[in-house]
Protein backbone atom coordinates (compact mmCIF):
# COMPACT_ATOMS: atom_id res chain seq x y z
CA UNK A 1 -37.42 174.24 -124.28
CA UNK A 2 -35.14 171.51 -122.97
CA UNK A 3 -31.69 171.40 -124.52
CA UNK A 4 -31.34 167.71 -125.45
CA UNK A 5 -33.04 166.79 -122.18
CA UNK A 6 -30.77 169.08 -120.21
CA UNK A 7 -33.05 171.31 -118.14
CA UNK A 8 -30.71 172.56 -115.42
CA UNK A 9 -28.64 175.60 -116.36
CA UNK A 10 -25.56 176.98 -114.62
CA UNK A 11 -25.57 180.68 -115.51
CA UNK A 12 -23.13 183.49 -114.77
CA UNK A 13 -25.16 186.35 -113.32
CA UNK A 14 -24.05 189.80 -114.50
CA UNK A 15 -23.92 192.91 -112.32
CA UNK A 16 -27.13 194.92 -111.88
CA UNK A 17 -29.79 192.26 -112.43
CA UNK A 18 -31.97 190.69 -109.76
CA UNK A 19 -32.02 186.90 -109.54
CA UNK A 20 -35.65 187.00 -110.65
CA UNK A 21 -34.66 189.03 -113.74
CA UNK A 22 -31.92 186.51 -114.59
CA UNK A 23 -34.38 183.63 -114.31
CA UNK A 24 -36.98 185.45 -116.41
CA UNK A 25 -34.43 186.23 -119.10
CA UNK A 26 -33.29 182.60 -119.26
CA UNK A 27 -36.91 181.49 -119.49
CA UNK A 28 -37.56 183.86 -122.38
CA UNK A 29 -34.37 183.04 -124.32
CA UNK A 30 -34.99 179.29 -124.08
CA UNK A 31 -38.76 179.59 -124.54
CA UNK A 32 -39.34 177.59 -121.36
CA UNK A 33 -42.80 177.26 -119.81
CA UNK A 34 -41.47 177.39 -116.25
CA UNK A 35 -38.23 178.39 -114.56
CA UNK A 36 -36.97 178.66 -111.00
CA UNK A 37 -33.61 179.55 -109.50
CA UNK A 38 -31.44 178.28 -106.68
CA UNK A 39 -29.37 180.68 -104.61
CA UNK A 40 -30.56 184.29 -104.66
CA UNK A 41 -28.00 186.99 -105.40
CA UNK A 42 -28.47 190.72 -104.85
CA UNK A 43 -28.41 192.96 -107.97
CA UNK A 44 -24.88 194.18 -107.13
CA UNK A 45 -23.60 190.59 -106.93
CA UNK A 46 -22.14 188.59 -109.81
CA UNK A 47 -21.39 184.93 -110.18
CA UNK A 48 -23.01 181.52 -110.25
CA UNK A 49 -26.74 180.89 -110.28
CA UNK A 50 -28.52 177.58 -110.93
CA UNK A 51 -31.73 177.80 -112.96
CA UNK A 52 -34.14 174.87 -113.33
CA UNK A 53 -36.38 174.74 -116.39
CA UNK A 54 -39.82 173.23 -116.96
CA UNK A 55 -40.30 169.87 -115.18
CA UNK A 56 -36.88 170.15 -113.50
CA UNK A 57 -38.25 172.90 -111.22
CA UNK A 58 -39.85 170.20 -109.05
CA UNK A 59 -36.38 168.80 -108.27
CA UNK A 60 -34.95 172.06 -106.89
CA UNK A 61 -35.18 170.89 -103.23
CA UNK A 62 -32.97 167.88 -104.05
CA UNK A 63 -30.06 169.86 -105.47
CA UNK A 64 -27.16 170.25 -103.04
CA UNK A 65 -26.64 173.86 -102.01
CA UNK A 66 -25.17 173.26 -98.56
CA UNK A 67 -21.79 174.91 -99.25
CA UNK A 68 -21.11 178.11 -101.17
CA UNK A 69 -17.95 179.99 -102.04
CA UNK A 70 -17.59 183.73 -102.51
CA UNK A 71 -14.99 186.37 -103.17
CA UNK A 72 -16.06 189.59 -101.45
CA UNK A 73 -14.69 193.08 -100.99
CA UNK A 74 -15.22 194.96 -97.72
CA UNK A 75 -14.83 198.73 -97.54
CA UNK A 76 -13.96 200.04 -94.08
CA UNK A 77 -14.97 203.42 -92.71
CA UNK A 78 -18.65 203.47 -93.62
CA UNK A 79 -21.80 201.58 -92.65
CA UNK A 80 -25.00 201.67 -94.74
CA UNK A 81 -28.64 200.84 -94.10
CA UNK A 82 -28.44 197.92 -96.54
CA UNK A 83 -25.00 196.73 -95.32
CA UNK A 84 -23.67 197.10 -98.87
CA UNK A 85 -22.32 199.93 -100.99
CA UNK A 86 -25.70 200.54 -102.69
CA UNK A 87 -27.29 201.76 -99.46
CA UNK A 88 -27.52 205.07 -97.62
CA UNK A 89 -24.56 205.83 -95.34
CA UNK A 90 -25.73 205.80 -91.72
CA UNK A 91 -22.37 205.67 -89.90
CA UNK A 92 -18.93 206.92 -90.86
CA UNK A 93 -15.53 206.96 -89.22
CA UNK A 94 -12.23 208.32 -90.52
CA UNK A 95 -10.07 205.43 -89.35
CA UNK A 96 -7.66 203.23 -91.25
CA UNK A 97 -7.40 199.58 -90.23
CA UNK A 98 -4.29 197.50 -90.77
CA UNK A 99 -3.91 194.00 -92.14
CA UNK A 100 -2.43 192.96 -88.79
CA UNK A 101 -5.60 194.10 -87.01
CA UNK A 102 -7.72 192.23 -89.55
CA UNK A 103 -5.76 189.01 -89.01
CA UNK A 104 -6.32 189.29 -85.26
CA UNK A 105 -10.13 189.32 -85.62
CA UNK A 106 -10.41 186.91 -88.56
CA UNK A 107 -10.72 183.90 -86.26
CA UNK A 108 -13.95 185.33 -84.81
CA UNK A 109 -15.59 184.75 -88.18
CA UNK A 110 -14.49 181.16 -88.82
CA UNK A 111 -16.46 178.12 -87.66
CA UNK A 112 -19.99 178.16 -86.26
CA UNK A 113 -21.05 181.76 -85.67
CA UNK A 114 -24.24 183.64 -84.82
CA UNK A 115 -25.25 186.17 -87.45
CA UNK A 116 -27.95 188.86 -87.54
CA UNK A 117 -29.42 189.12 -91.07
CA UNK A 118 -29.37 192.55 -92.77
CA UNK A 119 -32.46 194.74 -92.49
CA UNK A 120 -32.76 194.52 -96.27
CA UNK A 121 -32.97 190.76 -96.70
CA UNK A 122 -35.48 188.15 -97.87
CA UNK A 123 -35.87 186.63 -94.40
CA UNK A 124 -39.42 186.66 -93.10
CA UNK A 125 -41.16 187.81 -89.92
CA UNK A 126 -44.86 186.98 -89.63
CA UNK A 127 -44.91 186.11 -93.31
CA UNK A 128 -43.42 189.42 -94.42
CA UNK A 129 -39.92 189.96 -95.86
CA UNK A 130 -37.45 191.98 -93.77
CA UNK A 131 -36.83 194.41 -96.62
CA UNK A 132 -40.51 195.33 -96.75
CA UNK A 133 -40.43 196.39 -93.09
CA UNK A 134 -37.22 198.34 -93.78
CA UNK A 135 -38.73 200.17 -96.76
CA UNK A 136 -41.64 201.23 -94.53
CA UNK A 137 -39.20 202.56 -91.94
CA UNK A 138 -40.25 199.95 -89.38
CA UNK A 139 -37.68 198.61 -86.92
CA UNK A 140 -38.15 194.92 -86.15
CA UNK A 141 -36.43 192.64 -83.68
CA UNK A 142 -34.37 190.15 -85.60
CA UNK A 143 -33.12 186.86 -84.19
CA UNK A 144 -29.63 185.65 -84.96
CA UNK A 145 -29.05 182.60 -87.14
CA UNK A 146 -26.29 180.04 -86.70
CA UNK A 147 -24.18 179.65 -89.83
CA UNK A 148 -20.90 177.90 -90.58
CA UNK A 149 -17.85 179.60 -92.09
CA UNK A 150 -15.65 176.78 -93.34
CA UNK A 151 -12.72 178.84 -94.62
CA UNK A 152 -11.85 182.52 -94.82
CA UNK A 153 -8.62 183.80 -96.32
CA UNK A 154 -7.27 187.21 -97.24
CA UNK A 155 -6.66 187.77 -100.95
CA UNK A 156 -5.61 191.43 -100.72
CA UNK A 157 -5.85 194.57 -98.62
CA UNK A 158 -5.35 198.02 -100.12
CA UNK A 159 -6.75 201.52 -99.55
CA UNK A 160 -8.89 200.38 -96.61
CA UNK A 161 -10.52 197.72 -98.77
CA UNK A 162 -10.25 194.03 -97.92
CA UNK A 163 -10.79 191.16 -100.39
CA UNK A 164 -11.66 187.77 -98.88
CA UNK A 165 -12.17 184.24 -100.22
CA UNK A 166 -14.92 182.56 -98.16
CA UNK A 167 -16.55 179.12 -98.16
CA UNK A 168 -19.63 178.84 -95.97
CA UNK A 169 -22.94 177.15 -95.32
CA UNK A 170 -26.08 178.22 -97.15
CA UNK A 171 -27.96 181.06 -95.47
CA UNK A 172 -24.77 183.00 -94.70
CA UNK A 173 -24.97 186.73 -95.43
CA UNK A 174 -21.78 188.29 -96.77
CA UNK A 175 -23.22 191.72 -95.96
CA UNK A 176 -23.48 190.73 -92.30
CA UNK A 177 -19.87 189.56 -92.30
CA UNK A 178 -18.75 192.93 -93.67
CA UNK A 179 -20.82 194.89 -91.14
CA UNK A 180 -19.74 192.76 -88.17
CA UNK A 181 -16.06 192.77 -89.12
CA UNK A 182 -16.07 196.55 -89.17
CA UNK A 183 -17.57 196.64 -85.70
CA UNK A 184 -15.09 194.04 -84.43
CA UNK A 185 -12.30 196.37 -85.55
CA UNK A 186 -13.81 199.37 -83.78
CA UNK A 187 -14.92 201.06 -86.98
CA UNK A 188 -17.59 200.63 -89.65
CA UNK A 189 -17.66 198.56 -92.83
CA UNK A 190 -19.90 197.63 -95.72
CA UNK A 191 -19.87 195.10 -98.55
CA UNK A 192 -18.59 196.78 -101.71
CA UNK A 193 -18.35 193.84 -104.15
CA UNK A 194 -19.30 190.16 -104.24
CA UNK A 195 -18.92 187.24 -106.65
CA UNK A 196 -20.21 183.74 -106.01
CA UNK A 197 -17.76 181.12 -107.26
CA UNK A 198 -19.61 177.92 -106.39
CA UNK A 199 -22.80 176.32 -105.11
CA UNK A 200 -22.32 172.80 -103.83
CA UNK A 201 -20.23 171.02 -106.47
CA UNK A 202 -21.12 173.49 -109.24
CA UNK A 203 -18.49 176.09 -110.19
CA UNK A 204 -18.65 179.40 -112.04
CA UNK A 205 -16.08 178.05 -114.52
CA UNK A 206 -18.75 175.59 -115.76
CA UNK A 207 -21.42 178.27 -116.21
CA UNK A 208 -22.88 179.61 -119.44
CA UNK A 209 -23.43 183.28 -120.20
CA UNK A 210 -26.39 185.07 -121.75
CA UNK A 211 -24.27 185.69 -124.82
CA UNK A 212 -23.60 181.99 -125.33
CA UNK A 213 -27.19 180.81 -124.98
CA UNK A 214 -28.52 183.70 -127.09
CA UNK A 215 -26.17 182.61 -129.89
CA UNK A 216 -27.47 179.04 -129.65
CA UNK A 217 -24.30 177.67 -128.06
CA UNK A 218 -25.60 175.07 -125.59
CA UNK A 219 -22.34 173.16 -125.06
CA UNK A 220 -21.63 174.76 -121.69
CA UNK A 221 -23.68 175.12 -118.53
CA UNK A 222 -26.50 172.66 -119.25
CA UNK A 223 -27.15 169.54 -117.16
CA UNK A 224 -29.86 166.91 -116.92
CA UNK A 225 -31.80 166.86 -113.65
CA UNK A 226 -30.18 163.61 -112.52
CA UNK A 227 -26.70 165.06 -113.18
CA UNK A 228 -27.54 167.94 -110.87
CA UNK A 229 -28.83 165.75 -108.03
CA UNK A 230 -26.25 164.03 -105.84
CA UNK A 231 -28.19 160.86 -105.00
CA UNK A 232 -27.65 157.15 -105.77
CA UNK A 233 -28.83 155.91 -109.18
CA UNK A 234 -31.46 153.18 -109.36
CA UNK A 235 -32.30 151.35 -112.60
CA UNK A 236 -35.79 149.80 -112.66
CA UNK A 237 -37.73 147.57 -115.02
CA UNK A 238 -41.18 148.86 -114.04
CA UNK A 239 -40.72 152.46 -115.20
CA UNK A 240 -44.33 152.89 -116.34
CA UNK A 241 -45.70 151.90 -112.93
CA UNK A 242 -43.37 154.40 -111.26
CA UNK A 243 -44.38 157.19 -113.69
CA UNK A 244 -48.03 156.47 -112.94
CA UNK A 245 -47.46 156.97 -109.22
CA UNK A 246 -47.47 153.28 -108.27
CA UNK A 247 -45.03 151.50 -106.00
CA UNK A 248 -42.44 149.21 -107.57
CA UNK A 249 -40.52 146.27 -106.18
CA UNK A 250 -36.78 146.79 -105.79
CA UNK A 251 -34.63 143.72 -105.31
CA UNK A 252 -31.18 143.97 -106.86
CA UNK A 253 -29.63 147.18 -108.10
CA UNK A 254 -26.54 148.15 -110.06
CA UNK A 255 -24.25 150.26 -107.90
CA UNK A 256 -22.00 152.95 -109.34
CA UNK A 257 -19.60 155.34 -107.58
CA UNK A 258 -19.84 159.15 -107.71
CA UNK A 259 -18.04 159.14 -111.08
CA UNK A 260 -20.52 156.69 -112.59
CA UNK A 261 -18.09 153.75 -112.54
CA UNK A 262 -19.68 150.33 -111.98
CA UNK A 263 -18.60 148.87 -108.61
CA UNK A 264 -20.98 145.97 -108.04
CA UNK A 265 -24.46 144.58 -107.46
CA UNK A 266 -26.44 145.45 -104.37
CA UNK A 267 -29.53 143.91 -102.78
CA UNK A 268 -32.19 146.25 -101.39
CA UNK A 269 -33.01 145.34 -97.80
CA UNK A 270 -34.92 147.36 -95.17
CA UNK A 271 -34.24 150.71 -96.81
CA UNK A 272 -30.55 149.96 -97.35
CA UNK A 273 -28.48 148.50 -100.17
CA UNK A 274 -26.44 145.45 -99.12
CA UNK A 275 -23.36 144.65 -101.25
CA UNK A 276 -24.01 141.26 -102.91
CA UNK A 277 -21.28 141.18 -105.59
CA UNK A 278 -18.48 143.74 -105.50
CA UNK A 279 -16.12 144.43 -108.39
CA UNK A 280 -12.60 144.06 -107.11
CA UNK A 281 -9.99 144.77 -109.76
CA UNK A 282 -7.23 143.24 -107.63
CA UNK A 283 -8.73 139.75 -107.93
């Protein structure tokens, strides 16, 4: 079902569920015919997921997911086959790092960096997921990916465990950051906890929970598809032609800013909108 036309849901993922399980549960609770999610989280991860329902699933590619924010915990001294605490320990070292040492290497992980995805990841090689090769015990040659770490700051460091606040581009693996930071410090490390705080402009503070939607409380977390898409708004008179897959003529359009405030009239010209009449409150 659509909740008053609102068919995009911001949901707080609990610990232990796969992203697929979260999406399936939302679909069942809301009696939706279709559902799809944006931003996969591992079962051990918590935090924000975006779920599209019914016809809104076709708009998933248009939703901004370019920047994400996480709080992660890194445990030093061990390395696992999955690069997180759920995996089998494959390397271990009885060494204690210091916060001063961490600060010295932190700069290596900020900006544009090359990153090797974990063996247990959803990346594909020849149409097959990495984790499927790993489960079969097959070693594959993985190429590095260029990702962008916008900010990285230390929240706390205690008992050889580091907590970081990170904003980054999509496609960045927190497990790879944990693994590589351990190696940069001459030891081993693995991801021991992770929470996603935001995807694009959506924040975990705006998300619903399973408890809320099960109780029929739909006041939080639900958006219409156009609210979720960060694109200009166009009002047309020939809506039926557009719905039937036919081209429409666009001459003048109402222009609003990102907050929905009217700022003027624009004229469509060669794929651009030319300001024809601009609202200037100073005049």
